[in-house]
Each structure stands twice: as C-alpha cells, then as structure tokens.
C-alpha cells in the first residue's frame, strides 16, 4: 500500500500554486499600471491579485487529507490549467 506524507504534499501543492500564480501576478501588475495611467477602475485587478496572493493559504488546503482533495482545490480560471 502506498502512503503519502500529507504535510509534505500540502507544501508541494502550495509551491505549485505559487509557481502558477507568479506569471498571473506579473500580468496583472501591467494591467494595473495601464489602468492607473488611463484613470480606469482598478478594483477588479486588485481583488484578483488578492485572491492569487491568498490562494496558497486556503483553508481547504490545510484540511485536505488526500492527494485527490488537494488536486480538486486547483482553480483553472484563476491559476490556469494545472500540469
């Protein structure tokens, strides 16, 4: 029987999320600056950036007890397709 260290799996999953969100945050930084320069509303950009920043600390990750539960937490709309 194969067993997994769920604590280590959570850390790996958080790092995977951080890696996936980095280009998204960089893209949003550019959009934010352009919106500011054009005097456009930046609230949606700010909210999305906050979601990305907070994603690795989601309660669901801490509560996951299996690898499958961790995989289900991924948000394709926010983070893109998972590898």
Protein backbone atom coordinates (compact mmCIF):
# COMPACT_ATOMS: atom_id res chain seq x y z
CA UNK A 1 0.00 0.00 0.00
CA UNK A 2 1.28 3.43 -0.96
CA UNK A 3 1.08 6.11 1.69
CA UNK A 4 1.75 9.81 1.31
CA UNK A 5 3.06 12.37 3.74
CA UNK A 6 0.10 14.78 3.52
CA UNK A 7 2.03 17.61 5.20
CA UNK A 8 4.73 17.38 2.56
CA UNK A 9 2.07 17.05 -0.15
CA UNK A 10 0.41 20.26 1.08
CA UNK A 11 3.74 22.10 0.93
CA UNK A 12 4.41 20.80 -2.57
CA UNK A 13 0.90 21.85 -3.67
CA UNK A 14 1.35 25.33 -2.19
CA UNK A 15 4.62 25.72 -4.07
CA UNK A 16 2.95 24.56 -7.28
CA UNK A 17 0.26 27.21 -6.74
CA UNK A 18 2.89 29.88 -6.09
CA UNK A 19 4.71 28.96 -9.28
CA UNK A 20 1.48 29.06 -11.32
CA UNK A 21 0.34 32.38 -9.91
CA UNK A 22 3.62 34.25 -10.49
CA UNK A 23 3.09 34.99 -14.21
CA UNK A 24 -0.56 35.85 -13.47
CA UNK A 25 0.51 38.41 -10.86
CA UNK A 26 3.06 39.91 -13.24
CA UNK A 27 0.41 40.21 -15.95
CA UNK A 28 -1.97 41.87 -13.50
CA UNK A 29 0.75 44.31 -12.44
CA UNK A 30 0.98 45.51 -16.04
CA UNK A 31 -2.81 45.77 -16.33
CA UNK A 32 -2.91 47.67 -13.05
CA UNK A 33 -0.35 50.22 -14.19
CA UNK A 34 -2.11 50.72 -17.53
CA UNK A 35 -5.45 51.16 -15.78
CA UNK A 36 -3.95 53.73 -13.41
CA UNK A 37 -2.40 55.65 -16.30
CA UNK A 38 -5.78 55.74 -18.05
CA UNK A 39 -7.62 56.69 -14.84
CA UNK A 40 -9.66 53.46 -15.05
CA UNK A 41 -11.08 51.50 -12.15
CA UNK A 42 -8.52 49.05 -10.74
CA UNK A 43 -10.71 47.37 -8.12
CA UNK A 44 -11.23 44.13 -10.08
CA UNK A 45 -7.49 43.85 -10.71
CA UNK A 46 -6.76 44.43 -7.02
CA UNK A 47 -9.32 41.80 -5.99
CA UNK A 48 -7.88 39.24 -8.39
CA UNK A 49 -4.34 39.89 -7.16
CA UNK A 50 -5.53 39.45 -3.59
CA UNK A 51 -7.17 36.11 -4.47
CA UNK A 52 -3.92 34.95 -6.06
CA UNK A 53 -1.87 36.03 -3.05
CA UNK A 54 -4.20 34.26 -0.62
CA UNK A 55 -4.73 31.08 -2.64
CA UNK A 56 -1.85 29.05 -1.11
CA UNK A 57 -3.32 29.67 2.35
CA UNK A 58 -6.82 28.43 1.57
CA UNK A 59 -8.40 26.51 4.43
CA UNK A 60 -9.24 23.70 2.02
CA UNK A 61 -5.52 23.03 1.53
CA UNK A 62 -4.96 22.75 5.27
CA UNK A 63 -7.98 20.49 5.62
CA UNK A 64 -7.11 18.19 2.72
CA UNK A 65 -6.34 14.66 3.83
CA UNK A 66 -5.60 13.12 0.43
CA UNK A 67 -3.72 13.99 -2.74
CA UNK A 68 -7.01 13.88 -4.65
CA UNK A 69 -8.52 16.50 -2.35
CA UNK A 70 -5.53 18.76 -2.99
CA UNK A 71 -5.92 18.37 -6.74
CA UNK A 72 -9.58 19.37 -6.54
CA UNK A 73 -8.69 22.70 -4.93
CA UNK A 74 -6.98 24.00 -8.09
CA UNK A 75 -8.80 26.90 -9.77
CA UNK A 76 -8.29 26.80 -13.55
CA UNK A 77 -9.89 30.22 -14.01
CA UNK A 78 -7.54 31.85 -11.55
CA UNK A 79 -4.34 29.81 -11.94
CA UNK A 80 -4.68 28.33 -15.42
CA UNK A 81 -4.52 24.65 -16.29
CA UNK A 82 -2.57 22.53 -13.84
CA UNK A 83 0.32 20.43 -15.10
